[in-house]
């Protein structure tokens, strides 16, 4: 299982032959992981049938939990449809590994091919290889014979300024399918810092002004939250929020499967094959803890695979024509909504149908993306038309979402003009609210929100960028949060909810985006309340 208590695997020793291995399967049978101290950073043994935060990188390969092979009974993670050796099994460790630490990585791998190949555990550190300040590190490397489970182990040092760590298992110069199992990341010389939540704090979601207006109070959550071995990040979410947003796994790159789509064009030319394996754990977490969900995004150019836009899903061929792309978009929206509403009825309360379709401020224009190139200017209107057609939940808001509309009235006005011109059938406007310590002014935020009067309003991705962790700066950030939340709550609009983007300062997206440490949220990296929390509670009427 993906552990929710702190355990660690001792080297590669597992309980052996506790039960017979099912016919046709190979590997040791694992009853449970031996207990040890709190040096465990990450564990993915897949024994609960979930991907444990692991995904197959790249727009072509796919990964899913499988019982075809395993090292520890009954599951492993299968990476298949690899078109290049760069396709990996990867997981994000950003903000979760304490700085200045020696870290030990280990994993078992199984190559499903005919020739030996080199297996590697790698880490992209401090922004990732190839980006500003980043470097790629090979942690472990071994020549692996096919059709046998092989153990990899190595260690690397995470320095004081290493703020982004993405890890992976891959095979060099080989495109065969492979399996990975019993992935362990642990500290070599020390234990993880204390990260237990403050049980005596009043719950954020219960602040008077939030409760009075029945607002959804949410947080974006990623794999680091869902798979935190300590369980403390999950506990923080459950205590303080009543809704979550899966940060990436409901976006097209994480749902569309290239292999099945291209192998059977007769069935899939107008309807890409989908796989919900990676997003299901988020729905299950919400269901288990009585949380609502905000979903995003159906159409977002940045995380939609390139092949989806081309004739025969072949990037060497021209873009598909308008009518084919409209059919693909309609079927995609239908299939995603159908899966969600069939398996988790009523759970999603708002769904971002189109994300970030506007570019520029003076003057704003439609973003020159692949939707515009293949469908035309009305693609936003058509997406909402299809979403309305297939949405079976009348209580779920259909939302357009974008950044900087709280700062630049020209962007919001462009959206309002577009809605009128194309008769866009939407319920709400989502203001991302990625703002700075000194911009935009709180009064401008209030005024721009009020320009959306007539539509429901969500604040969907709020954070306040701040690279200074000093006490003085954190106090100033607390006041900034109080001022901005007061402006939001005072705005004369039908406000439906406020969500932060990411949970705590340890795993904020701004670390990778700005290539520097950032402290933008209500909780520090160890889940402790910052002055920002008290500022929000003050604005929301709590004593």
Protein backbone atom coordinates (compact mmCIF):
# COMPACT_ATOMS: atom_id res chain seq x y z
CA UNK A 1 0.00 0.00 0.00
CA UNK A 2 1.01 3.67 -0.13
CA UNK A 3 1.78 4.05 3.56
CA UNK A 4 -0.09 6.61 5.64
CA UNK A 5 2.05 5.79 8.67
CA UNK A 6 5.79 6.20 8.89
CA UNK A 7 7.44 2.93 7.97
CA UNK A 8 10.58 2.10 6.06
CA UNK A 9 11.90 -0.85 4.21
CA UNK A 10 15.20 -2.13 5.54
CA UNK A 11 17.46 -2.29 2.46
CA UNK A 12 15.78 -4.73 0.08
CA UNK A 13 14.84 -7.44 2.56
CA UNK A 14 11.20 -8.42 2.34
CA UNK A 15 9.25 -11.17 3.97
CA UNK A 16 9.59 -14.12 1.64
CA UNK A 17 7.14 -16.77 0.61
CA UNK A 18 4.40 -15.81 3.06
CA UNK A 19 1.98 -17.20 0.52
CA UNK A 20 2.24 -18.83 -2.85
CA UNK A 21 2.80 -16.64 -5.90
CA UNK A 22 -0.19 -16.78 -8.25
CA UNK A 23 0.41 -18.75 -11.42
CA UNK A 24 2.18 -16.82 -14.15
CA UNK A 25 3.55 -14.20 -11.75
CA UNK A 26 7.09 -13.74 -10.49
CA UNK A 27 8.58 -12.13 -7.42
CA UNK A 28 8.64 -12.32 -3.67
CA UNK A 29 5.38 -12.23 -1.78
CA UNK A 30 5.32 -9.36 0.67
CA UNK A 31 3.00 -9.47 3.66
CA UNK A 32 3.95 -6.11 5.12
CA UNK A 33 6.92 -3.77 5.36
CA UNK A 34 9.05 -4.06 8.50
CA UNK A 35 8.57 -1.22 10.93
CA UNK A 36 11.46 1.19 11.55
CA UNK A 37 12.11 4.82 12.37
CA UNK A 38 10.91 8.00 10.72
CA UNK A 39 13.65 8.37 8.11
CA UNK A 40 11.24 7.40 5.35
CA UNK A 41 10.69 10.12 2.76
CA UNK A 42 8.67 8.18 0.18
CA UNK A 43 7.40 4.64 -0.37
CA UNK A 44 5.60 3.23 -3.40
CA UNK A 45 4.89 -0.47 -3.14
CA UNK A 46 1.55 -0.26 -5.03
CA UNK A 47 0.06 -2.90 -2.74
CA UNK A 48 -3.20 -0.97 -2.34
CA UNK A 49 -3.69 -0.93 -6.11
CA UNK A 50 -2.98 2.79 -6.55
CA UNK A 51 -0.05 4.38 -8.44
CA UNK A 52 1.30 5.99 -5.25
CA UNK A 53 2.14 9.22 -7.06
CA UNK A 54 4.14 7.53 -9.83
CA UNK A 55 3.34 8.29 -13.45
CA UNK A 56 4.87 7.53 -16.83
CA UNK A 57 6.53 10.64 -18.18
CA UNK A 58 6.09 11.79 -21.74
CA UNK A 59 3.09 12.29 -24.01
CA UNK A 60 3.21 8.79 -25.51
CA UNK A 61 4.05 6.23 -22.82
CA UNK A 62 1.59 5.31 -20.10
CA UNK A 63 1.83 3.78 -16.69
CA UNK A 64 -0.63 1.83 -14.58
CA UNK A 65 -0.70 -0.46 -11.59
CA UNK A 66 -0.46 -4.07 -12.77
CA UNK A 67 -0.64 -7.60 -11.40
CA UNK A 68 1.11 -9.14 -14.40
CA UNK A 69 4.46 -8.87 -12.64
CA UNK A 70 5.45 -7.81 -9.15
CA UNK A 71 8.32 -7.95 -6.74
CA UNK A 72 6.09 -7.60 -3.70
CA UNK A 73 2.68 -9.23 -4.05
CA UNK A 74 0.21 -8.29 -5.52
CA UNK A 75 1.04 -5.27 -7.71
CA UNK A 76 3.78 -3.27 -9.41
CA UNK A 77 3.78 -0.21 -11.68
CA UNK A 78 3.88 -1.00 -15.42
CA UNK A 79 5.35 1.51 -17.92
CA UNK A 80 4.23 0.62 -21.43
CA UNK A 81 3.86 1.96 -24.97
CA UNK A 82 7.33 3.49 -24.69
CA UNK A 83 8.47 5.06 -27.95
CA UNK A 84 11.76 6.30 -26.56
CA UNK A 85 14.22 5.50 -23.81
CA UNK A 86 13.35 8.83 -22.18
CA UNK A 87 9.97 7.51 -21.07
CA UNK A 88 10.28 6.95 -17.33
CA UNK A 89 8.38 6.10 -14.18
CA UNK A 90 8.62 9.40 -12.32
CA UNK A 91 7.47 11.00 -9.08
CA UNK A 92 7.77 14.46 -7.58
CA UNK A 93 9.68 15.03 -4.33
CA UNK A 94 9.80 18.83 -4.45
CA UNK A 95 9.83 20.45 -1.04
CA UNK A 96 9.60 17.12 0.73
CA UNK A 97 13.27 16.25 1.21
CA UNK A 98 14.97 18.28 3.97
CA UNK A 99 17.89 20.35 2.63
CA UNK A 100 21.44 19.31 3.40
CA UNK A 101 20.57 15.63 3.52
CA UNK A 102 22.04 12.42 2.13
CA UNK A 103 19.19 10.53 0.51
CA UNK A 104 19.12 6.82 -0.30
CA UNK A 105 17.03 5.68 -3.27
CA UNK A 106 16.13 2.07 -4.02
CA UNK A 107 13.78 0.26 -6.37
CA UNK A 108 13.20 -3.12 -7.98
CA UNK A 109 12.89 -3.21 -11.78
CA UNK A 110 11.81 -5.81 -14.33
CA UNK A 111 12.59 -5.42 -18.04
CA UNK A 112 9.93 -6.97 -20.27
CA UNK A 113 12.13 -7.39 -23.34
CA UNK A 114 14.65 -9.73 -24.95
CA UNK A 115 17.96 -7.93 -24.43
CA UNK A 116 19.78 -6.59 -21.40
CA UNK A 117 19.62 -2.81 -20.85
CA UNK A 118 20.89 -0.26 -18.35
CA UNK A 119 18.43 0.71 -15.63
CA UNK A 120 18.82 4.01 -13.82
CA UNK A 121 17.41 5.88 -10.88
CA UNK A 122 17.78 9.58 -11.62
CA UNK A 123 16.92 12.88 -10.00
CA UNK A 124 16.36 16.29 -11.54
CA UNK A 125 17.39 18.70 -8.81
CA UNK A 126 16.86 22.45 -8.26
CA UNK A 127 14.58 23.14 -11.17
CA UNK A 128 15.29 19.98 -13.10
CA UNK A 129 17.94 19.16 -15.65
CA UNK A 130 18.10 21.68 -18.46
CA UNK A 131 16.45 24.53 -16.58
CA UNK A 132 17.85 27.45 -14.66
CA UNK A 133 20.18 26.24 -11.94
CA UNK A 134 19.19 22.61 -12.53
CA UNK A 135 21.21 19.44 -12.77
CA UNK A 136 20.49 15.83 -13.51
CA UNK A 137 21.96 13.21 -11.19
CA UNK A 138 22.24 9.48 -11.81
CA UNK A 139 21.69 8.01 -8.37
CA UNK A 140 21.99 4.34 -9.31
CA UNK A 141 22.80 2.46 -12.50
CA UNK A 142 22.99 -1.24 -13.35
CA UNK A 143 22.87 -3.50 -16.40
CA UNK A 144 19.65 -5.48 -16.10
CA UNK A 145 18.95 -8.84 -17.69
CA UNK A 146 15.42 -9.23 -19.12
CA UNK A 147 12.66 -11.18 -17.41
CA UNK A 148 14.11 -10.96 -13.92
CA UNK A 149 13.64 -8.63 -10.96
CA UNK A 150 16.76 -6.57 -10.25
CA UNK A 151 17.52 -4.35 -7.26
CA UNK A 152 18.85 -0.80 -7.69
CA UNK A 153 20.20 1.35 -4.87
CA UNK A 154 22.22 4.55 -4.64
CA UNK A 155 22.44 7.81 -2.79
CA UNK A 156 22.73 11.50 -3.56
CA UNK A 157 23.10 14.73 -1.62
CA UNK A 158 20.39 17.36 -1.49
CA UNK A 159 22.05 20.70 -0.78
CA UNK A 160 20.93 23.76 1.10
CA UNK A 161 19.57 25.48 -2.00
CA UNK A 162 18.14 22.42 -3.75
CA UNK A 163 14.49 23.32 -3.89
CA UNK A 164 13.09 21.09 -6.62
CA UNK A 165 13.55 17.33 -6.85
CA UNK A 166 11.85 15.10 -9.41
CA UNK A 167 12.87 11.46 -9.38
CA UNK A 168 12.56 8.71 -11.97
CA UNK A 169 13.36 5.12 -12.94
CA UNK A 170 14.23 4.53 -16.59
CA UNK A 171 16.04 2.29 -19.06
CA UNK A 172 18.73 3.77 -21.29
CA UNK A 173 18.81 3.00 -25.04
CA UNK A 174 15.77 0.80 -24.75
CA UNK A 175 12.06 1.25 -25.46
CA UNK A 176 10.77 -2.02 -24.03
CA UNK A 177 8.02 -2.04 -21.43
CA UNK A 178 9.20 -2.34 -17.83
CA UNK A 179 7.88 -2.72 -14.31
CA UNK A 180 9.01 -0.99 -11.14
CA UNK A 181 8.13 -1.99 -7.59
CA UNK A 182 8.93 -1.28 -3.94
CA UNK A 183 10.36 2.19 -4.52
CA UNK A 184 11.89 3.62 -1.35
CA UNK A 185 13.41 7.03 -0.65
CA UNK A 186 14.84 7.54 2.84
CA UNK A 187 17.27 9.78 4.68
CA UNK A 188 20.63 8.18 5.34
CA UNK A 189 21.72 9.93 8.54
CA UNK A 190 18.67 11.54 10.15
CA UNK A 191 14.93 11.44 10.51
CA UNK A 192 12.33 13.55 8.76
CA UNK A 193 11.43 16.79 10.61
CA UNK A 194 8.28 16.87 12.70
CA UNK A 195 5.29 17.71 10.53
CA UNK A 196 2.31 16.91 12.74
CA UNK A 197 -0.55 19.37 12.43
CA UNK A 198 -1.67 21.76 15.19
CA UNK A 199 -4.81 20.03 16.39
CA UNK A 200 -5.92 22.93 18.60
CA UNK A 201 -6.15 25.47 15.75
CA UNK A 202 -9.67 26.45 14.64
CA UNK A 203 -10.44 24.93 11.25
CA UNK A 204 -10.06 27.36 8.37
CA UNK A 205 -13.24 26.10 6.70
CA UNK A 206 -15.25 26.89 9.86
CA UNK A 207 -14.41 30.60 10.00
CA UNK A 208 -17.69 32.54 10.45
CA UNK A 209 -17.80 34.45 7.14
CA UNK A 210 -17.03 31.27 5.20
CA UNK A 211 -19.74 29.30 6.97
CA UNK A 212 -22.33 32.09 6.71
CA UNK A 213 -22.00 32.13 2.93
CA UNK A 214 -21.55 28.38 2.50
CA UNK A 215 -18.28 28.91 0.65
CA UNK A 216 -16.14 26.06 -0.59
CA UNK A 217 -12.74 26.45 1.07
CA UNK A 218 -10.25 24.36 -0.81
CA UNK A 219 -6.67 23.52 -1.59
CA UNK A 220 -4.88 22.19 -4.62
CA UNK A 221 -3.27 18.87 -3.77
CA UNK A 222 -0.67 16.85 -5.63
CA UNK A 223 0.98 13.49 -5.29
CA UNK A 224 3.14 14.67 -2.38
CA UNK A 225 -0.02 15.28 -0.37
CA UNK A 226 -1.92 12.15 -1.37
CA UNK A 227 1.13 9.94 -0.78
CA UNK A 228 2.78 11.60 2.22
CA UNK A 229 4.08 8.61 4.24
CA UNK A 230 3.49 10.43 7.54
CA UNK A 231 -0.17 11.11 6.78
CA UNK A 232 0.25 14.66 8.10
CA UNK A 233 -0.41 16.48 4.84
CA UNK A 234 -3.61 14.49 4.39
CA UNK A 235 -4.62 15.35 7.97
CA UNK A 236 -3.99 19.05 7.33
CA UNK A 237 -6.29 18.97 4.30
CA UNK A 238 -9.07 17.13 6.12
CA UNK A 239 -8.98 19.42 9.15
CA UNK A 240 -8.94 22.78 7.38
CA UNK A 241 -10.57 22.35 3.95
CA UNK A 242 -13.84 21.02 2.60
CA UNK A 243 -12.75 20.66 -1.02
CA UNK A 244 -9.69 19.70 -3.04
CA UNK A 245 -8.42 20.21 -6.57
CA UNK A 246 -6.16 17.63 -8.19
CA UNK A 247 -3.29 19.81 -9.39
CA UNK A 248 -2.59 17.91 -12.63
CA UNK A 249 -4.15 14.49 -12.87
CA UNK A 250 -7.47 15.64 -14.35
CA UNK A 251 -5.68 17.31 -17.26
CA UNK A 252 -5.44 15.73 -20.68
CA UNK A 253 -1.76 14.72 -20.47
CA UNK A 254 -2.66 12.50 -17.53
CA UNK A 255 -5.84 11.02 -19.04
CA UNK A 256 -5.22 10.48 -22.77
CA UNK A 257 -3.54 7.22 -23.82
CA UNK A 258 -1.58 7.35 -27.06
CA UNK A 259 -1.00 3.62 -27.60
CA UNK A 260 -4.63 2.41 -27.65
CA UNK A 261 -5.70 5.53 -29.56
CA UNK A 262 -3.28 5.05 -32.45
CA UNK A 263 -3.45 1.25 -32.61
CA UNK A 264 -7.20 1.30 -33.27
CA UNK A 265 -7.92 4.44 -35.25
CA UNK A 266 -11.23 3.03 -36.43
CA UNK A 267 -12.48 3.20 -32.85
CA UNK A 268 -10.49 6.16 -31.56
CA UNK A 269 -9.93 8.64 -34.40
CA UNK A 270 -12.74 10.80 -33.03
CA UNK A 271 -12.50 9.61 -29.44
CA UNK A 272 -9.10 9.37 -27.77
CA UNK A 273 -8.63 6.44 -25.40
CA UNK A 274 -8.66 7.54 -21.76
CA UNK A 275 -7.26 6.04 -18.57
CA UNK A 276 -8.33 7.33 -15.13
CA UNK A 277 -5.81 5.28 -13.16
CA UNK A 278 -3.80 8.32 -12.04
CA UNK A 279 -6.69 10.52 -10.91
CA UNK A 280 -8.78 7.89 -9.13
CA UNK A 281 -6.80 8.20 -5.84
CA UNK A 282 -7.86 11.86 -5.58
CA UNK A 283 -11.53 11.00 -5.94
CA UNK A 284 -11.14 8.18 -3.43
CA UNK A 285 -9.39 10.48 -0.95
CA UNK A 286 -12.22 12.99 -1.28
CA UNK A 287 -14.86 10.30 -0.92
CA UNK A 288 -13.23 8.78 2.16
CA UNK A 289 -12.96 12.16 3.89
CA UNK A 290 -16.27 13.71 2.83
CA UNK A 291 -14.61 16.38 0.70
CA UNK A 292 -15.99 18.08 -2.37
CA UNK A 293 -13.87 18.50 -5.49
CA UNK A 294 -13.06 21.33 -7.87
CA UNK A 295 -11.89 19.99 -11.22
CA UNK A 296 -9.58 21.48 -13.81
CA UNK A 297 -9.16 21.68 -16.66
CA UNK A 298 -10.92 20.17 -19.67
CA UNK A 299 -9.20 22.36 -22.24
CA UNK A 300 -5.79 23.70 -21.33
CA UNK A 301 -3.27 23.89 -24.13
CA UNK A 302 -0.22 23.55 -21.91
CA UNK A 303 -1.07 20.05 -20.66
CA UNK A 304 -2.69 18.51 -23.72
CA UNK A 305 -0.52 16.11 -25.77
CA UNK A 306 0.61 17.31 -29.17
CA UNK A 307 -0.52 14.12 -30.93
CA UNK A 308 -4.16 14.82 -30.02
CA UNK A 309 -4.24 17.72 -32.53
CA UNK A 310 -2.92 15.85 -35.59
CA UNK A 311 -4.34 13.70 -38.35
CA UNK A 312 -4.17 10.03 -37.28
CA UNK A 313 -2.61 11.22 -34.01
CA UNK A 314 0.67 11.46 -35.95
CA UNK A 315 2.71 14.59 -35.22
CA UNK A 316 4.42 14.22 -38.60
CA UNK A 317 1.08 14.79 -40.31
CA UNK A 318 -0.85 18.10 -40.51
CA UNK A 319 -3.16 19.41 -37.84
CA UNK A 320 -6.60 17.81 -37.92
CA UNK A 321 -9.38 19.89 -39.46
CA UNK A 322 -12.02 21.81 -37.54
CA UNK A 323 -14.81 19.24 -37.75
CA UNK A 324 -12.62 16.36 -36.61
CA UNK A 325 -11.22 18.40 -33.73
CA UNK A 326 -14.68 19.47 -32.64
CA UNK A 327 -15.74 15.83 -32.54
CA UNK A 328 -12.60 14.88 -30.56
CA UNK A 329 -13.23 17.68 -28.07
CA UNK A 330 -16.90 16.81 -27.68
CA UNK A 331 -16.16 13.14 -27.08
CA UNK A 332 -13.34 13.92 -24.67
CA UNK A 333 -15.55 16.19 -22.56
CA UNK A 334 -18.37 13.64 -22.69
CA UNK A 335 -16.14 10.73 -21.64
CA UNK A 336 -14.47 12.57 -18.75
CA UNK A 337 -17.77 13.86 -17.38
CA UNK A 338 -19.38 10.47 -17.79
CA UNK A 339 -16.60 8.70 -15.85
CA UNK A 340 -16.70 11.26 -13.05
CA UNK A 341 -20.49 11.45 -12.74
CA UNK A 342 -20.99 7.70 -12.99
CA UNK A 343 -18.34 6.69 -10.48
CA UNK A 344 -18.48 9.67 -8.10
CA UNK A 345 -21.88 11.32 -8.55
CA UNK A 346 -22.23 14.79 -7.05
CA UNK A 347 -18.63 15.02 -5.87
CA UNK A 348 -17.36 17.67 -8.32
CA UNK A 349 -18.96 21.03 -7.56
CA UNK A 350 -17.18 23.14 -10.15
CA UNK A 351 -15.34 22.21 -13.32
CA UNK A 352 -12.98 24.47 -15.24
CA UNK A 353 -13.95 23.82 -18.86
CA UNK A 354 -11.44 26.20 -20.44
CA UNK A 355 -8.28 27.45 -18.77
CA UNK A 356 -6.10 30.39 -19.81
CA UNK A 357 -7.50 31.24 -23.22
CA UNK A 358 -6.51 34.93 -23.03
CA UNK A 359 -3.09 36.42 -23.70
CA UNK A 360 -1.74 39.88 -22.90
CA UNK A 361 -3.17 42.88 -21.09
CA UNK A 362 -2.90 45.91 -23.39
CA UNK A 363 -4.78 44.87 -25.40
CA UNK A 364 -5.69 41.27 -24.56
CA UNK A 365 -6.30 38.79 -27.37
CA UNK A 366 -7.16 35.13 -27.65
CA UNK A 367 -4.11 33.04 -26.84
CA UNK A 368 -2.50 31.67 -30.00
CA UNK A 369 -2.77 28.05 -28.95
CA UNK A 370 -3.52 24.76 -30.71
CA UNK A 371 -7.25 24.98 -29.99
CA UNK A 372 -7.36 28.28 -31.87
CA UNK A 373 -5.26 26.87 -34.73
CA UNK A 374 -7.38 23.77 -35.25
CA UNK A 375 -10.91 24.88 -34.32
CA UNK A 376 -11.02 28.66 -34.50
CA UNK A 377 -12.06 31.54 -32.28
CA UNK A 378 -15.27 29.89 -31.10
CA UNK A 379 -13.51 26.91 -29.46
CA UNK A 380 -14.25 28.23 -25.96
CA UNK A 381 -17.96 28.55 -26.72
CA UNK A 382 -18.07 25.07 -28.26
CA UNK A 383 -16.35 23.53 -25.23
CA UNK A 384 -18.99 24.99 -22.90
CA UNK A 385 -21.74 23.86 -25.26
CA UNK A 386 -20.49 20.26 -24.99
CA UNK A 387 -19.97 20.49 -21.23
CA UNK A 388 -23.54 21.70 -20.76
CA UNK A 389 -24.82 18.92 -23.01
CA UNK A 390 -23.16 16.15 -21.02
CA UNK A 391 -23.24 17.56 -17.51
CA UNK A 392 -25.82 15.61 -15.58
CA UNK A 393 -25.32 17.54 -12.33
CA UNK A 394 -27.28 20.77 -12.24
CA UNK A 395 -25.44 21.81 -9.07
CA UNK A 396 -22.00 21.69 -10.75
CA UNK A 397 -20.69 25.03 -12.00
CA UNK A 398 -19.10 25.23 -15.46
CA UNK A 399 -16.23 27.69 -15.19
CA UNK A 400 -13.86 29.72 -17.35
CA UNK A 401 -10.57 30.23 -15.47
CA UNK A 402 -7.64 32.61 -16.07
CA UNK A 403 -4.87 34.58 -14.40
CA UNK A 404 -4.37 38.33 -13.98
CA UNK A 405 -8.08 39.16 -14.37
CA UNK A 406 -8.03 40.37 -10.76
CA UNK A 407 -5.20 42.73 -11.72
CA UNK A 408 -6.05 43.99 -15.21
CA UNK A 409 -9.66 44.97 -15.96
CA UNK A 410 -8.90 44.81 -19.68
CA UNK A 411 -8.50 41.01 -19.48
CA UNK A 412 -11.81 40.54 -17.70
CA UNK A 413 -13.57 42.89 -20.11
CA UNK A 414 -12.17 40.91 -23.05
CA UNK A 415 -13.66 37.76 -21.54
CA UNK A 416 -17.03 39.41 -20.93
CA UNK A 417 -17.12 40.67 -24.52
CA UNK A 418 -16.23 37.19 -25.81
CA UNK A 419 -18.98 35.60 -23.71
CA UNK A 420 -21.52 38.01 -25.16
CA UNK A 421 -20.28 37.67 -28.76
CA UNK A 422 -20.37 33.87 -28.79
CA UNK A 423 -23.23 33.35 -26.28
CA UNK A 424 -21.00 31.22 -24.07
CA UNK A 425 -23.09 29.07 -21.76
CA UNK A 426 -21.06 29.20 -18.56
CA UNK A 427 -22.00 29.52 -14.90
CA UNK A 428 -18.97 31.11 -13.30
CA UNK A 429 -15.69 32.94 -13.77
CA UNK A 430 -12.59 31.68 -12.02
CA UNK A 431 -10.00 34.20 -10.87
CA UNK A 432 -6.73 32.34 -10.31
CA UNK A 433 -5.39 35.02 -7.92
CA UNK A 434 -1.64 34.34 -8.21
CA UNK A 435 -0.63 37.70 -6.78
CA UNK A 436 2.37 39.46 -5.23
CA UNK A 437 3.03 41.16 -1.94
CA UNK A 438 2.58 44.61 -3.49
CA UNK A 439 0.41 44.00 -6.56
CA UNK A 440 -2.41 44.29 -7.35
CA UNK A 441 -3.87 46.57 -4.65
CA UNK A 442 -6.67 45.05 -2.61
CA UNK A 443 -9.06 47.76 -3.80
CA UNK A 444 -8.35 46.82 -7.43
CA UNK A 445 -9.02 43.17 -6.69
CA UNK A 446 -12.41 44.05 -5.21
CA UNK A 447 -13.30 46.30 -8.15
CA UNK A 448 -12.31 43.72 -10.75
CA UNK A 449 -14.23 40.94 -9.05
CA UNK A 450 -17.30 43.16 -9.09
CA UNK A 451 -17.01 43.54 -12.87
CA UNK A 452 -17.97 39.86 -13.04
CA UNK A 453 -21.30 40.54 -11.35
CA UNK A 454 -23.99 38.48 -13.03
CA UNK A 455 -21.85 35.35 -12.92
CA UNK A 456 -20.87 33.20 -9.99
CA UNK A 457 -17.26 33.78 -8.94
CA UNK A 458 -14.58 31.41 -7.71
CA UNK A 459 -11.08 32.23 -6.53
CA UNK A 460 -9.41 29.10 -7.82
CA UNK A 461 -5.62 29.12 -7.29
CA UNK A 462 -4.70 31.70 -4.70
CA UNK A 463 -1.18 32.29 -3.41
CA UNK A 464 0.97 35.32 -2.62
CA UNK A 465 4.50 35.03 -4.00
CA UNK A 466 7.16 35.83 -1.41
CA UNK A 467 10.80 34.75 -1.48
CA UNK A 468 11.70 36.25 1.92
CA UNK A 469 11.12 33.88 4.87
CA UNK A 470 12.10 36.39 7.56
CA UNK A 471 9.71 36.95 10.45
CA UNK A 472 9.11 40.54 9.37
CA UNK A 473 8.22 39.43 5.85
CA UNK A 474 5.92 36.65 7.08
CA UNK A 475 4.10 39.16 9.31
CA UNK A 476 3.68 41.47 6.32
CA UNK A 477 2.35 38.56 4.31
CA UNK A 478 -0.18 37.86 7.04
CA UNK A 479 -1.47 41.42 6.74
CA UNK A 480 -1.53 41.13 2.95
CA UNK A 481 -3.64 37.97 3.21
CA UNK A 482 -6.02 39.72 5.61
CA UNK A 483 -6.41 42.68 3.24
CA UNK A 484 -6.93 40.54 0.13
CA UNK A 485 -9.40 38.16 1.76
CA UNK A 486 -11.32 41.15 3.12
CA UNK A 487 -11.49 42.58 -0.40
CA UNK A 488 -12.70 39.27 -1.80
CA UNK A 489 -15.35 38.82 0.87
CA UNK A 490 -16.49 42.45 0.60
CA UNK A 491 -16.89 42.34 -3.19
CA UNK A 492 -20.49 42.60 -4.34
CA UNK A 493 -20.55 39.30 -6.25
CA UNK A 494 -21.98 35.83 -5.79
CA UNK A 495 -18.79 34.29 -4.41
CA UNK A 496 -18.93 30.49 -4.36
CA UNK A 497 -15.51 29.42 -3.14
CA UNK A 498 -11.84 30.21 -2.46
CA UNK A 499 -9.04 27.72 -3.07
CA UNK A 500 -5.30 27.95 -2.56
CA UNK A 501 -2.94 26.44 -5.11
CA UNK A 502 -0.85 23.72 -3.46
CA UNK A 503 -1.02 22.96 0.24
CA UNK A 504 2.09 24.28 1.96
CA UNK A 505 5.32 26.15 1.30
CA UNK A 506 7.22 22.90 0.87
CA UNK A 507 5.52 21.91 -2.36
CA UNK A 508 4.35 25.15 -3.96
CA UNK A 509 4.45 25.26 -7.77
CA UNK A 510 6.21 28.63 -7.51
CA UNK A 511 9.45 26.89 -6.50
CA UNK A 512 9.78 25.41 -9.96
CA UNK A 513 8.18 28.34 -11.76
CA UNK A 514 10.51 30.96 -10.29
CA UNK A 515 13.59 28.74 -9.74
CA UNK A 516 13.95 29.95 -6.18
CA UNK A 517 12.56 29.26 -2.74
CA UNK A 518 9.06 30.62 -2.24
CA UNK A 519 6.84 30.98 0.83
CA UNK A 520 3.41 31.87 -0.58
CA UNK A 521 0.86 29.85 1.44
CA UNK A 522 -0.83 29.61 4.83
CA UNK A 523 1.30 26.71 6.10
CA UNK A 524 5.06 26.27 6.23
CA UNK A 525 6.84 23.21 4.82
CA UNK A 526 6.18 21.30 8.06
CA UNK A 527 2.43 22.04 8.12
CA UNK A 528 2.62 24.73 10.81
CA UNK A 529 0.40 27.80 10.63
CA UNK A 530 2.04 31.01 9.43
CA UNK A 531 0.88 34.58 10.07
CA UNK A 532 -0.93 34.17 6.74
CA UNK A 533 -3.34 31.70 8.37
CA UNK A 534 -4.15 34.18 11.13
CA UNK A 535 -4.61 36.96 8.58
CA UNK A 536 -7.17 34.88 6.68
CA UNK A 537 -8.98 33.90 9.87
CA UNK A 538 -9.13 37.56 10.91
CA UNK A 539 -10.65 38.57 7.56
CA UNK A 540 -13.12 35.69 7.82
CA UNK A 541 -14.44 36.88 11.19
CA UNK A 542 -12.71 34.43 13.52
CA UNK A 543 -11.47 35.57 16.92
